[in-house]
Every structure is written in structure tokens, then in C-alpha cells.
């Protein structure tokens, strides 16, 4: 039986992510783990996150998992969730904090005050349901299989990623301008939204990842 390892570095919404994977990947072992050996042996790796970047990076750096995560990001299906997407980039304005640096770019905060094009205020954090737009270069990605145009997903973020390379952007959402909410490069796929809280669309993304072999 193959294993999906959900990385426990002391932060993140681990149990709800695990329960969602247990629902869609019944043929696989779903393991929440802080053990580097278990992560190294897993077939797929999930990096969740649901807290402030400085505290999350401090916890990850102290966990002893950084080296095994770097290796996993190179050689097997690797999935980032929410802050787990932002952590893949080089830096974040939240701190400012050095991140993992797997992808060139940074995470920045929504401006305050934040308003739509008519001047109506928009809340920060970006909280609730928002429609996904998939760029044409990413539309055939296996993790998007069965996701219909303008499917809405659930968000809860005050910061968002700004990739240095537009080719890694696998999805955007308007708030009010397009922001990056999904990235893809090689065997890495990550989303800013919470798939475990995003009803059928989110479960479909998780199921797709559970079946993905890491190639495009």
C-alpha cells in the first residue's frame, strides 16, 4: 500500500486534511508524521500550513525535516496547502521571513485599505469562497482533472504568492485583481485555498493528487 505523508512540524490543520485524504484515497495509507524517515519513505508528501509565516518557518527549521522535505520536493508528488504554498517561495513580507526557496518569488500582504474597482471595501484576510481561473498552460494538469471553469474554493489568507516566473502559476482568483492561488512546477503542486474545506471541488483536487505520479 502506498503512503501519503502529511508533514507535522507543529503547525497546520493536519487532522482535517488527513480526514479529507482518507475519504478520497481509500487505497492508500494516510500518515500524519513528524518523523523524517517516514517522510523519506512516503510515496507522496503533503506540506500543510495554517498560521503565521515566521512561527511556521521557525517550527519547520526546528523540526529536523527541512532536508527530507527538500529531497521530496525533487523526486515525488509534493503538495502544498494554504501557507504550504507560500512556504515554497523565497521570502515573505510577513516578518519578513526567509521561506523554503523551492520556487523563485515572494509572498506579499494585501494592501490596507483594500477595495474593489468601485471603491467598495474588501476584507483582509481574504476569507470565504472565490472562483478559480486556470490559465491555459495549466489546464491539462492532472490535479485539475474534472475541475470545471469558475469552480469556487474556500480561502483564508492575508498574504499571497507572487511568483517570479509566470509559468508556475497554475491558478488565479480575483480579489479584486488576479492573484496567484495555485502553482505547479515538475512534481510540485500547491494551492492557496483549503481543499479540505472546499466541498466537492476540493475533494476532487485531493483525489487527483492522490493518483498523480508527479509528471505532467
N, C-alpha and C. Protein backbone atom coordinates (compact mmCIF):
# COMPACT_ATOMS: atom_id res chain seq x y z
N UNK A 1 0.84 -1.20 0.00
CA UNK A 1 0.00 0.00 0.00
C UNK A 1 0.87 1.25 0.00
N UNK A 2 0.54 2.20 -0.86
CA UNK A 2 1.30 3.44 -0.91
C UNK A 2 0.89 4.36 0.24
N UNK A 3 1.79 5.30 0.55
CA UNK A 3 1.60 6.18 1.69
C UNK A 3 1.62 7.64 1.26
N UNK A 4 0.65 8.40 1.78
CA UNK A 4 0.66 9.85 1.67
C UNK A 4 1.05 10.40 3.04
N UNK A 5 2.19 11.06 3.13
CA UNK A 5 2.67 11.61 4.39
C UNK A 5 2.26 13.07 4.50
N UNK A 6 1.51 13.40 5.55
CA UNK A 6 1.15 14.78 5.86
C UNK A 6 2.13 15.25 6.92
N UNK A 7 2.94 16.24 6.57
CA UNK A 7 4.08 16.61 7.40
C UNK A 7 3.62 17.40 8.62
N UNK A 8 3.98 16.89 9.80
CA UNK A 8 3.65 17.53 11.06
C UNK A 8 4.89 18.21 11.61
N UNK A 9 4.95 19.55 11.47
CA UNK A 9 6.07 20.30 12.03
C UNK A 9 5.59 21.21 13.16
N UNK A 10 4.42 20.83 13.72
CA UNK A 10 3.88 21.54 14.86
C UNK A 10 2.90 22.63 14.51
N UNK A 11 2.60 22.82 13.23
CA UNK A 11 1.67 23.86 12.79
C UNK A 11 0.77 23.26 11.71
N UNK A 12 -0.40 23.89 11.50
CA UNK A 12 -1.24 23.48 10.38
C UNK A 12 -2.46 22.70 10.81
N UNK A 13 -3.41 22.63 9.90
CA UNK A 13 -4.68 21.97 10.14
C UNK A 13 -4.59 20.52 9.66
N UNK A 14 -3.88 19.71 10.43
CA UNK A 14 -3.50 18.38 9.95
C UNK A 14 -4.65 17.39 9.91
N UNK A 15 -5.47 17.36 10.95
CA UNK A 15 -6.49 16.32 11.05
C UNK A 15 -7.54 16.45 9.96
N UNK A 16 -7.96 17.68 9.66
CA UNK A 16 -8.99 17.84 8.63
C UNK A 16 -8.44 17.50 7.25
N UNK A 17 -7.16 17.83 7.01
CA UNK A 17 -6.53 17.44 5.74
C UNK A 17 -6.45 15.92 5.66
N UNK A 18 -6.03 15.28 6.75
CA UNK A 18 -5.92 13.83 6.75
C UNK A 18 -7.27 13.16 6.53
N UNK A 19 -8.32 13.67 7.18
CA UNK A 19 -9.65 13.08 7.01
C UNK A 19 -10.13 13.20 5.56
N UNK A 20 -9.82 14.34 4.93
CA UNK A 20 -10.22 14.51 3.54
C UNK A 20 -9.50 13.51 2.64
N UNK A 21 -8.21 13.32 2.88
CA UNK A 21 -7.47 12.33 2.09
C UNK A 21 -7.97 10.92 2.37
N UNK A 22 -8.30 10.61 3.61
CA UNK A 22 -8.84 9.28 3.94
C UNK A 22 -10.14 9.02 3.19
N UNK A 23 -10.90 10.08 2.94
CA UNK A 23 -12.16 9.95 2.23
C UNK A 23 -11.97 9.67 0.75
N UNK A 24 -10.95 10.27 0.13
CA UNK A 24 -10.80 10.18 -1.32
C UNK A 24 -9.72 9.18 -1.75
N UNK A 25 -8.85 8.77 -0.84
CA UNK A 25 -7.74 7.87 -1.20
C UNK A 25 -7.79 6.64 -0.30
N UNK A 26 -8.86 5.89 -0.43
CA UNK A 26 -9.08 4.74 0.44
C UNK A 26 -8.09 3.60 0.18
N UNK A 27 -7.41 3.66 -0.94
CA UNK A 27 -6.44 2.62 -1.28
C UNK A 27 -5.04 2.94 -0.77
N UNK A 28 -4.89 4.04 -0.02
CA UNK A 28 -3.58 4.47 0.44
C UNK A 28 -3.58 4.70 1.94
N UNK A 29 -2.40 4.61 2.52
CA UNK A 29 -2.21 4.89 3.95
C UNK A 29 -1.99 6.38 4.12
N UNK A 30 -2.79 7.02 4.96
CA UNK A 30 -2.67 8.45 5.23
C UNK A 30 -1.97 8.60 6.58
N UNK A 31 -0.81 9.21 6.58
CA UNK A 31 0.04 9.25 7.76
C UNK A 31 0.38 10.69 8.12
N UNK A 32 -0.05 11.13 9.31
CA UNK A 32 0.43 12.40 9.86
C UNK A 32 1.71 12.09 10.61
N UNK A 33 2.80 12.73 10.23
CA UNK A 33 4.09 12.34 10.82
C UNK A 33 5.06 13.50 10.95
N UNK A 34 5.84 13.45 12.00
CA UNK A 34 6.96 14.37 12.19
C UNK A 34 8.29 13.64 12.07
N UNK A 35 8.23 12.39 11.64
CA UNK A 35 9.42 11.55 11.55
C UNK A 35 10.05 11.66 10.16
N UNK A 36 11.30 12.08 10.10
CA UNK A 36 11.98 12.29 8.82
C UNK A 36 12.06 11.00 8.02
N UNK A 37 12.29 9.88 8.66
CA UNK A 37 12.38 8.60 7.96
C UNK A 37 11.05 8.24 7.30
N UNK A 38 9.95 8.49 8.00
CA UNK A 38 8.63 8.20 7.44
C UNK A 38 8.35 9.08 6.23
N UNK A 39 8.73 10.36 6.30
CA UNK A 39 8.54 11.25 5.17
C UNK A 39 9.41 10.79 3.99
N UNK A 40 10.64 10.39 4.29
CA UNK A 40 11.56 9.95 3.23
C UNK A 40 11.04 8.71 2.52
N UNK A 41 10.29 7.88 3.22
CA UNK A 41 9.80 6.62 2.65
C UNK A 41 8.42 6.75 2.02
N UNK A 42 7.76 7.89 2.21
CA UNK A 42 6.40 8.07 1.69
C UNK A 42 6.41 8.21 0.17
N UNK A 43 5.31 7.81 -0.45
CA UNK A 43 5.17 7.91 -1.91
C UNK A 43 4.75 9.30 -2.34
N UNK A 44 3.99 9.98 -1.48
CA UNK A 44 3.53 11.34 -1.75
C UNK A 44 3.66 12.14 -0.45
N UNK A 45 3.97 13.43 -0.59
CA UNK A 45 4.20 14.27 0.59
C UNK A 45 3.31 15.50 0.51
N UNK A 46 2.68 15.83 1.64
CA UNK A 46 1.80 16.99 1.74
C UNK A 46 2.37 17.95 2.80
N UNK A 47 2.56 19.21 2.42
CA UNK A 47 3.03 20.24 3.33
C UNK A 47 1.88 21.20 3.61
N UNK A 48 1.22 21.07 4.76
CA UNK A 48 0.13 21.98 5.10
C UNK A 48 0.66 23.21 5.84
N UNK A 49 -0.22 24.16 6.06
CA UNK A 49 0.16 25.33 6.84
C UNK A 49 -1.06 26.18 7.14
N UNK A 50 -1.15 26.65 8.39
CA UNK A 50 -2.28 27.48 8.76
C UNK A 50 -1.90 28.29 9.99
N UNK A 51 -0.98 29.22 9.80
CA UNK A 51 -0.52 30.08 10.89
C UNK A 51 0.32 31.18 10.28
N UNK A 52 1.02 31.93 11.12
CA UNK A 52 1.90 32.99 10.63
C UNK A 52 3.18 32.40 10.07
N UNK A 53 3.71 33.02 9.03
CA UNK A 53 4.92 32.51 8.40
C UNK A 53 6.12 32.47 9.34
N UNK A 54 6.41 33.51 10.13
CA UNK A 54 7.59 33.44 11.00
C UNK A 54 7.55 32.25 11.96
N UNK A 55 6.41 32.05 12.62
CA UNK A 55 6.29 30.94 13.56
C UNK A 55 6.36 29.60 12.84
N UNK A 56 5.75 29.51 11.65
CA UNK A 56 5.75 28.26 10.91
C UNK A 56 7.15 27.89 10.44
N UNK A 57 7.89 28.87 9.90
CA UNK A 57 9.23 28.58 9.44
C UNK A 57 10.16 28.24 10.62
N UNK A 58 9.97 28.91 11.75
CA UNK A 58 10.78 28.59 12.92
C UNK A 58 10.51 27.15 13.38
N UNK A 59 9.22 26.78 13.38
CA UNK A 59 8.87 25.41 13.78
C UNK A 59 9.42 24.39 12.80
N UNK A 60 9.32 24.69 11.50
CA UNK A 60 9.84 23.76 10.49
C UNK A 60 11.35 23.62 10.60
N UNK A 61 12.04 24.73 10.77
CA UNK A 61 13.50 24.68 10.88
C UNK A 61 13.95 23.91 12.12
N UNK A 62 13.14 23.96 13.18
CA UNK A 62 13.49 23.25 14.41
C UNK A 62 13.09 21.78 14.38
N UNK A 63 12.29 21.40 13.39
CA UNK A 63 11.74 20.05 13.35
C UNK A 63 12.71 18.99 12.85
N UNK A 64 13.77 19.42 12.16
CA UNK A 64 14.68 18.45 11.56
C UNK A 64 14.17 17.86 10.26
N UNK A 65 13.12 18.45 9.71
CA UNK A 65 12.50 17.90 8.50
C UNK A 65 12.91 18.63 7.23
N UNK A 66 13.69 19.69 7.35
CA UNK A 66 13.94 20.53 6.19
C UNK A 66 14.66 19.76 5.07
N UNK A 67 15.66 18.97 5.39
CA UNK A 67 16.41 18.25 4.36
C UNK A 67 15.55 17.21 3.65
N UNK A 68 14.74 16.48 4.40
CA UNK A 68 13.92 15.45 3.77
C UNK A 68 12.81 16.07 2.93
N UNK A 69 12.33 17.24 3.33
CA UNK A 69 11.35 17.94 2.51
C UNK A 69 11.96 18.41 1.20
N UNK A 70 13.19 18.91 1.26
CA UNK A 70 13.86 19.34 0.04
C UNK A 70 14.00 18.18 -0.93
N UNK A 71 14.38 17.01 -0.43
CA UNK A 71 14.51 15.85 -1.30
C UNK A 71 13.17 15.44 -1.88
N UNK A 72 12.14 15.45 -1.03
CA UNK A 72 10.81 15.07 -1.51
C UNK A 72 10.30 16.03 -2.58
N UNK A 73 10.66 17.30 -2.46
CA UNK A 73 10.21 18.28 -3.44
C UNK A 73 10.83 18.06 -4.82
N UNK A 74 11.83 17.19 -4.87
CA UNK A 74 12.53 16.94 -6.13
C UNK A 74 12.16 15.60 -6.77
N UNK A 75 11.65 14.65 -5.98
CA UNK A 75 11.59 13.29 -6.55
C UNK A 75 10.27 12.54 -6.37
N UNK A 76 9.20 13.23 -5.89
CA UNK A 76 7.91 12.55 -5.79
C UNK A 76 6.79 13.58 -5.77
N UNK A 77 5.54 13.17 -5.93
CA UNK A 77 4.45 14.14 -5.88
C UNK A 77 4.44 14.88 -4.54
N UNK A 78 4.45 16.20 -4.62
CA UNK A 78 4.61 17.08 -3.44
C UNK A 78 3.52 18.13 -3.51
N UNK A 79 2.72 18.23 -2.43
CA UNK A 79 1.52 19.07 -2.43
C UNK A 79 1.57 20.06 -1.28
N UNK A 80 1.49 21.36 -1.59
CA UNK A 80 1.42 22.39 -0.56
C UNK A 80 0.01 22.91 -0.41
N UNK A 81 -0.39 23.17 0.84
CA UNK A 81 -1.75 23.64 1.13
C UNK A 81 -1.68 24.94 1.91
N UNK A 82 -2.37 25.97 1.42
CA UNK A 82 -2.50 27.27 2.08
C UNK A 82 -1.11 27.87 2.34
N UNK A 83 -0.72 28.05 3.59
CA UNK A 83 0.61 28.58 3.88
C UNK A 83 1.69 27.68 3.28
N UNK A 84 1.36 26.40 3.10
CA UNK A 84 2.29 25.47 2.47
C UNK A 84 2.64 25.85 1.05
N UNK A 85 1.77 26.62 0.38
CA UNK A 85 2.12 27.18 -0.93
C UNK A 85 3.10 28.34 -0.76
N UNK A 86 2.80 29.26 0.12
CA UNK A 86 3.67 30.42 0.31
C UNK A 86 5.06 30.02 0.78
N UNK A 87 5.15 28.96 1.57
CA UNK A 87 6.44 28.50 2.08
C UNK A 87 7.37 28.02 0.98
N UNK A 88 6.82 27.66 -0.18
CA UNK A 88 7.65 27.17 -1.28
C UNK A 88 8.51 28.26 -1.89
N UNK A 89 8.15 29.52 -1.68
CA UNK A 89 8.88 30.62 -2.31
C UNK A 89 10.04 31.09 -1.44
N UNK A 90 10.71 32.14 -1.86
CA UNK A 90 11.97 32.52 -1.22
C UNK A 90 11.79 33.34 0.05
N UNK A 91 10.85 34.28 0.02
CA UNK A 91 10.67 35.17 1.16
C UNK A 91 9.20 35.50 1.33
N UNK A 92 8.88 36.04 2.50
CA UNK A 92 7.54 36.55 2.78
C UNK A 92 7.66 37.89 3.47
N UNK A 93 6.76 38.80 3.15
CA UNK A 93 6.70 40.08 3.85
C UNK A 93 6.28 39.92 5.29
N UNK A 94 5.72 38.79 5.63
CA UNK A 94 5.26 38.55 7.00
C UNK A 94 6.46 38.28 7.89
N UNK A 95 7.02 39.27 8.39
CA UNK A 95 8.21 39.11 9.25
C UNK A 95 9.23 40.21 9.06
N UNK A 96 9.91 40.37 7.90
CA UNK A 96 9.94 39.47 6.74
C UNK A 96 10.66 38.17 7.07
N UNK A 97 10.30 37.12 6.38
CA UNK A 97 10.77 35.79 6.73
C UNK A 97 11.32 35.04 5.52
N UNK A 98 12.55 34.51 5.60
CA UNK A 98 13.02 33.60 4.55
C UNK A 98 12.17 32.33 4.55
N UNK A 99 11.78 31.87 3.37
CA UNK A 99 10.97 30.66 3.25
C UNK A 99 11.84 29.52 2.70
N UNK A 100 11.22 28.50 2.12
CA UNK A 100 11.97 27.33 1.69
C UNK A 100 12.79 27.56 0.42
N UNK A 101 12.30 28.42 -0.47
CA UNK A 101 13.07 28.75 -1.66
C UNK A 101 13.07 27.71 -2.75
N UNK A 102 12.05 26.85 -2.80
CA UNK A 102 11.97 25.87 -3.88
C UNK A 102 11.60 26.55 -5.20
N UNK A 103 10.87 27.66 -5.11
CA UNK A 103 10.43 28.39 -6.29
C UNK A 103 10.84 29.85 -6.14
N UNK A 104 11.27 30.52 -7.22
CA UNK A 104 11.61 31.93 -7.11
C UNK A 104 10.37 32.80 -6.97
N UNK A 105 10.45 33.74 -6.05
CA UNK A 105 9.32 34.63 -5.82
C UNK A 105 9.16 34.92 -4.35
N UNK A 106 8.08 35.60 -4.01
CA UNK A 106 7.86 36.04 -2.64
C UNK A 106 6.37 36.04 -2.33
N UNK A 107 6.05 36.21 -1.06
CA UNK A 107 4.67 36.38 -0.63
C UNK A 107 4.51 37.79 -0.08
N UNK A 108 3.41 38.44 -0.45
CA UNK A 108 3.16 39.81 -0.02
C UNK A 108 1.77 39.92 0.60
N UNK A 109 1.56 41.00 1.35
CA UNK A 109 0.29 41.20 2.02
C UNK A 109 -0.67 41.98 1.13
N UNK A 110 -1.96 41.65 1.25
CA UNK A 110 -2.96 42.50 0.62
C UNK A 110 -2.81 43.91 1.20
N UNK A 111 -2.96 44.94 0.36
CA UNK A 111 -2.82 46.30 0.86
C UNK A 111 -3.97 46.66 1.80
N UNK A 112 -3.69 47.59 2.70
CA UNK A 112 -4.72 48.15 3.57
C UNK A 112 -4.77 49.65 3.34
N UNK A 113 -5.96 50.23 3.08
CA UNK A 113 -7.24 49.54 2.90
C UNK A 113 -7.27 48.82 1.55
N UNK A 114 -8.11 47.80 1.47
CA UNK A 114 -8.25 47.02 0.25
C UNK A 114 -9.66 47.23 -0.29
N UNK A 115 -9.79 47.50 -1.59
CA UNK A 115 -11.10 47.83 -2.15
C UNK A 115 -11.24 47.25 -3.54
N UNK A 116 -12.49 47.05 -3.96
CA UNK A 116 -12.73 46.59 -5.31
C UNK A 116 -12.67 47.77 -6.29
N UNK A 117 -12.94 47.51 -7.54
CA UNK A 117 -12.77 48.53 -8.57
C UNK A 117 -13.79 49.66 -8.47
N UNK A 118 -14.84 49.46 -7.67
CA UNK A 118 -15.83 50.51 -7.44
C UNK A 118 -15.59 51.25 -6.13
N UNK A 119 -14.50 50.89 -5.45
CA UNK A 119 -14.17 51.54 -4.19
C UNK A 119 -14.77 50.90 -2.97
N UNK A 120 -15.55 49.83 -3.16
CA UNK A 120 -16.15 49.15 -2.01
C UNK A 120 -15.07 48.37 -1.26
N UNK A 121 -15.06 48.43 0.06
CA UNK A 121 -14.00 47.77 0.83
C UNK A 121 -14.05 46.26 0.70
N UNK A 122 -12.87 45.67 0.65
CA UNK A 122 -12.71 44.22 0.67
C UNK A 122 -12.01 43.84 1.96
N UNK A 123 -12.48 42.79 2.58
CA UNK A 123 -11.91 42.38 3.86
C UNK A 123 -10.53 41.76 3.68
N UNK A 124 -9.68 42.01 4.63
CA UNK A 124 -8.41 41.31 4.77
C UNK A 124 -8.40 40.75 6.19
N UNK A 125 -8.30 39.43 6.34
CA UNK A 125 -7.93 38.46 5.31
C UNK A 125 -9.02 38.21 4.26
N UNK A 126 -8.54 37.72 3.12
CA UNK A 126 -9.38 37.21 2.04
C UNK A 126 -10.04 35.94 2.57
N UNK A 127 -11.32 36.03 2.91
CA UNK A 127 -11.97 34.95 3.64
C UNK A 127 -13.26 34.53 2.95
N UNK A 128 -13.36 33.24 2.65
CA UNK A 128 -14.59 32.73 2.06
C UNK A 128 -14.36 32.13 0.68
N UNK A 129 -15.45 31.99 -0.07
CA UNK A 129 -15.43 31.31 -1.36
C UNK A 129 -15.05 32.27 -2.48
N UNK A 130 -14.24 31.77 -3.40
CA UNK A 130 -13.84 32.57 -4.55
C UNK A 130 -13.63 31.64 -5.74
N UNK A 131 -13.95 32.13 -6.92
CA UNK A 131 -13.87 31.30 -8.12
C UNK A 131 -12.44 31.20 -8.62
N UNK A 132 -12.09 30.03 -9.08
CA UNK A 132 -10.76 29.74 -9.62
C UNK A 132 -10.74 29.95 -11.13
N UNK A 133 -9.66 30.56 -11.62
CA UNK A 133 -9.38 30.62 -13.05
C UNK A 133 -8.10 29.85 -13.31
N UNK A 134 -8.15 28.92 -14.24
CA UNK A 134 -6.99 28.10 -14.58
C UNK A 134 -6.42 28.59 -15.90
N UNK A 135 -5.16 29.06 -15.94
CA UNK A 135 -4.59 29.53 -17.19
C UNK A 135 -4.45 28.39 -18.19
N UNK A 136 -4.43 28.73 -19.45
CA UNK A 136 -4.42 27.70 -20.50
C UNK A 136 -3.22 26.77 -20.39
N UNK A 137 -2.06 27.31 -19.97
CA UNK A 137 -0.87 26.46 -19.91
C UNK A 137 -0.95 25.42 -18.79
N UNK A 138 -1.89 25.60 -17.85
CA UNK A 138 -2.02 24.67 -16.73
C UNK A 138 -3.29 23.84 -16.78
N UNK A 139 -4.11 24.04 -17.79
CA UNK A 139 -5.44 23.43 -17.81
C UNK A 139 -5.40 21.91 -17.89
N UNK A 140 -4.32 21.37 -18.43
CA UNK A 140 -4.22 19.92 -18.58
C UNK A 140 -3.52 19.25 -17.40
N UNK A 141 -3.20 20.02 -16.36
CA UNK A 141 -2.51 19.41 -15.22
C UNK A 141 -3.40 18.34 -14.59
N UNK A 142 -2.85 17.17 -14.27
CA UNK A 142 -3.66 16.10 -13.70
C UNK A 142 -4.40 16.48 -12.42
N UNK A 143 -3.85 17.40 -11.63
CA UNK A 143 -4.52 17.78 -10.38
C UNK A 143 -5.77 18.61 -10.62
N UNK A 144 -5.95 19.13 -11.84
CA UNK A 144 -7.16 19.87 -12.19
C UNK A 144 -8.19 19.00 -12.92
N UNK A 145 -7.94 17.74 -13.09
CA UNK A 145 -8.87 16.88 -13.83
C UNK A 145 -10.26 16.94 -13.21
N UNK A 146 -11.26 17.21 -14.03
CA UNK A 146 -12.64 17.25 -13.57
C UNK A 146 -13.05 18.53 -12.89
N UNK A 147 -12.15 19.49 -12.78
CA UNK A 147 -12.49 20.78 -12.17
C UNK A 147 -13.05 21.69 -13.26
N UNK A 148 -14.29 22.08 -13.10
CA UNK A 148 -14.95 22.89 -14.11
C UNK A 148 -14.57 24.36 -13.99
N UNK A 149 -14.78 25.08 -15.07
CA UNK A 149 -14.47 26.51 -15.11
C UNK A 149 -15.22 27.25 -14.01
N UNK A 150 -14.49 28.14 -13.32
CA UNK A 150 -15.05 29.00 -12.28
C UNK A 150 -15.52 28.24 -11.04
N UNK A 151 -15.01 27.04 -10.83
CA UNK A 151 -15.30 26.33 -9.58
C UNK A 151 -14.81 27.18 -8.41
N UNK A 152 -15.61 27.28 -7.36
CA UNK A 152 -15.23 28.08 -6.20
C UNK A 152 -14.57 27.22 -5.13
N UNK A 153 -13.57 27.80 -4.46
CA UNK A 153 -12.86 27.14 -3.38
C UNK A 153 -12.83 28.08 -2.17
N UNK A 154 -12.51 27.51 -1.01
CA UNK A 154 -12.56 28.28 0.23
C UNK A 154 -11.18 28.81 0.60
N UNK A 155 -11.10 30.13 0.84
CA UNK A 155 -9.84 30.81 1.14
C UNK A 155 -9.86 31.42 2.54
N UNK A 156 -8.67 31.56 3.11
CA UNK A 156 -8.48 32.28 4.37
C UNK A 156 -7.03 32.75 4.40
N UNK A 157 -6.74 33.88 3.75
CA UNK A 157 -5.35 34.34 3.67
C UNK A 157 -5.25 35.85 3.62
N UNK A 158 -4.24 36.36 4.32
CA UNK A 158 -3.91 37.79 4.29
C UNK A 158 -2.73 38.07 3.37
N UNK A 159 -1.98 37.03 3.02
CA UNK A 159 -0.82 37.13 2.15
C UNK A 159 -1.04 36.23 0.94
N UNK A 160 -0.35 36.54 -0.15
CA UNK A 160 -0.45 35.69 -1.34
C UNK A 160 0.89 35.69 -2.07
N UNK A 161 1.11 34.64 -2.82
CA UNK A 161 2.39 34.46 -3.50
C UNK A 161 2.46 35.27 -4.79
N UNK A 162 3.65 35.80 -5.05
CA UNK A 162 3.94 36.49 -6.31
C UNK A 162 5.14 35.78 -6.93
N UNK A 163 4.88 34.78 -7.79
CA UNK A 163 5.99 34.04 -8.39
C UNK A 163 6.81 34.92 -9.33
N UNK A 164 8.11 34.66 -9.37
CA UNK A 164 8.98 35.37 -10.31
C UNK A 164 8.81 34.85 -11.72
N UNK A 165 8.29 33.63 -11.87
CA UNK A 165 8.10 33.01 -13.17
C UNK A 165 6.60 32.79 -13.39
N UNK A 166 6.03 33.42 -14.39
CA UNK A 166 4.59 33.29 -14.63
C UNK A 166 4.20 31.87 -15.02
N UNK A 167 5.16 31.10 -15.53
CA UNK A 167 4.86 29.74 -15.98
C UNK A 167 4.49 28.81 -14.83
N UNK A 168 4.84 29.16 -13.59
CA UNK A 168 4.50 28.28 -12.47
C UNK A 168 3.09 28.54 -11.95
N UNK A 169 2.46 29.62 -12.40
CA UNK A 169 1.11 29.95 -11.92
C UNK A 169 0.12 28.96 -12.54
N UNK A 170 -0.53 28.17 -11.68
CA UNK A 170 -1.47 27.15 -12.16
C UNK A 170 -2.92 27.54 -11.90
N UNK A 171 -3.14 28.65 -11.20
CA UNK A 171 -4.49 29.10 -10.94
C UNK A 171 -4.48 30.50 -10.35
N UNK A 172 -5.51 31.27 -10.66
CA UNK A 172 -5.66 32.60 -10.09
C UNK A 172 -7.09 32.78 -9.58
N UNK A 173 -7.26 33.80 -8.74
CA UNK A 173 -8.59 34.23 -8.29
C UNK A 173 -8.57 35.75 -8.21
N UNK A 174 -9.70 36.37 -8.37
CA UNK A 174 -9.78 37.83 -8.35
C UNK A 174 -10.11 38.34 -6.96
N UNK A 175 -9.23 39.31 -6.47
CA UNK A 175 -9.52 39.92 -5.17
C UNK A 175 -8.90 41.31 -5.06
N UNK A 176 -9.32 42.33 -5.78
CA UNK A 176 -10.19 42.24 -6.95
C UNK A 176 -9.41 41.88 -8.21
N UNK A 177 -8.10 42.15 -8.20
CA UNK A 177 -7.25 41.80 -9.33
C UNK A 177 -6.83 40.34 -9.22
N UNK A 178 -6.39 39.73 -10.31
CA UNK A 178 -5.97 38.33 -10.25
C UNK A 178 -4.76 38.15 -9.33
N UNK A 179 -4.86 37.19 -8.43
CA UNK A 179 -3.73 36.80 -7.59
C UNK A 179 -3.45 35.32 -7.80
N UNK A 180 -2.22 34.93 -7.58
CA UNK A 180 -1.83 33.53 -7.72
C UNK A 180 -2.41 32.72 -6.57
N UNK A 181 -3.15 31.65 -6.89
CA UNK A 181 -3.71 30.79 -5.85
C UNK A 181 -3.37 29.32 -6.07
N UNK A 182 -2.58 29.03 -7.09
CA UNK A 182 -2.10 27.67 -7.29
C UNK A 182 -0.82 27.74 -8.10
N UNK A 183 0.12 26.84 -7.80
CA UNK A 183 1.38 26.79 -8.54
C UNK A 183 1.71 25.35 -8.90
N UNK A 184 2.45 25.22 -9.97
CA UNK A 184 2.88 23.90 -10.43
C UNK A 184 4.25 24.01 -11.09
N UNK A 185 5.14 23.13 -10.69
CA UNK A 185 6.42 23.01 -11.36
C UNK A 185 6.96 21.62 -11.14
N UNK A 186 7.12 20.86 -12.23
CA UNK A 186 7.59 19.48 -12.10
C UNK A 186 6.65 18.68 -11.24
N UNK A 187 7.20 18.08 -10.19
CA UNK A 187 6.41 17.23 -9.30
C UNK A 187 5.77 18.00 -8.15
N UNK A 188 5.90 19.33 -8.15
CA UNK A 188 5.30 20.17 -7.11
C UNK A 188 3.97 20.74 -7.59
N UNK A 189 2.96 20.64 -6.72
CA UNK A 189 1.68 21.29 -6.96
C UNK A 189 1.22 21.85 -5.62
N UNK A 190 0.72 23.08 -5.61
CA UNK A 190 0.30 23.69 -4.35
C UNK A 190 -0.85 24.63 -4.58
N UNK A 191 -1.69 24.77 -3.55
CA UNK A 191 -2.87 25.63 -3.66
C UNK A 191 -2.96 26.54 -2.44
N UNK A 192 -3.41 27.77 -2.65
CA UNK A 192 -3.61 28.71 -1.55
C UNK A 192 -4.90 28.43 -0.79
N UNK A 193 -5.90 27.91 -1.47
CA UNK A 193 -7.18 27.63 -0.82
C UNK A 193 -7.08 26.36 0.03
N UNK A 194 -8.13 26.12 0.79
CA UNK A 194 -8.20 24.93 1.64
C UNK A 194 -9.05 23.87 0.93
N UNK A 195 -8.44 22.91 0.27
CA UNK A 195 -9.25 21.90 -0.43
C UNK A 195 -10.10 21.08 0.53
N UNK A 196 -9.61 20.89 1.75
CA UNK A 196 -10.35 20.08 2.73
C UNK A 196 -11.62 20.78 3.20
N UNK A 197 -11.76 22.09 2.90
CA UNK A 197 -12.95 22.86 3.28
C UNK A 197 -13.74 23.31 2.05
N UNK A 198 -13.38 22.79 0.89
CA UNK A 198 -13.92 23.30 -0.37
C UNK A 198 -14.88 22.35 -1.07
N UNK A 199 -15.62 21.58 -0.29
CA UNK A 199 -16.69 20.73 -0.82
C UNK A 199 -16.17 19.80 -1.92
N UNK A 200 -17.01 19.51 -2.91
CA UNK A 200 -16.67 18.51 -3.91
C UNK A 200 -15.44 18.90 -4.74
N UNK A 201 -15.31 20.20 -5.06
CA UNK A 201 -14.17 20.63 -5.85
C UNK A 201 -12.86 20.38 -5.13
N UNK A 202 -12.83 20.71 -3.84
CA UNK A 202 -11.61 20.48 -3.08
C UNK A 202 -11.28 19.01 -2.94
N UNK A 203 -12.30 18.19 -2.70
CA UNK A 203 -12.06 16.74 -2.60
C UNK A 203 -11.57 16.17 -3.93
N UNK A 204 -12.06 16.73 -5.03
CA UNK A 204 -11.60 16.25 -6.33
C UNK A 204 -10.11 16.57 -6.53
N UNK A 205 -9.69 17.76 -6.11
CA UNK A 205 -8.26 18.10 -6.23
C UNK A 205 -7.42 17.14 -5.39
N UNK A 206 -7.86 16.84 -4.18
CA UNK A 206 -7.11 15.92 -3.33
C UNK A 206 -7.07 14.52 -3.93
N UNK A 207 -8.18 14.08 -4.47
CA UNK A 207 -8.20 12.76 -5.11
C UNK A 207 -7.26 12.74 -6.32
N UNK A 208 -7.30 13.80 -7.10
CA UNK A 208 -6.41 13.88 -8.25
C UNK A 208 -4.94 13.79 -7.81
N UNK A 209 -4.60 14.53 -6.75
CA UNK A 209 -3.22 14.46 -6.27
C UNK A 209 -2.87 13.05 -5.80
N UNK A 210 -3.81 12.38 -5.13
CA UNK A 210 -3.54 11.05 -4.62
C UNK A 210 -3.28 10.03 -5.72
N UNK A 211 -3.69 10.35 -6.95
CA UNK A 211 -3.48 9.46 -8.09
C UNK A 211 -2.38 9.93 -9.02
N UNK A 212 -1.87 11.14 -8.78
CA UNK A 212 -0.87 11.74 -9.66
C UNK A 212 0.49 11.12 -9.43
N UNK A 213 1.21 10.87 -10.53
CA UNK A 213 2.55 10.27 -10.40
C UNK A 213 3.68 11.30 -10.39
N UNK A 214 3.31 12.59 -10.41
CA UNK A 214 4.33 13.63 -10.32
C UNK A 214 4.82 14.16 -11.66
N UNK A 215 4.30 13.61 -12.73
CA UNK A 215 4.69 14.09 -14.06
C UNK A 215 3.51 14.79 -14.72
N UNK A 216 3.82 15.63 -15.70
CA UNK A 216 2.77 16.39 -16.38
C UNK A 216 2.67 15.93 -17.82
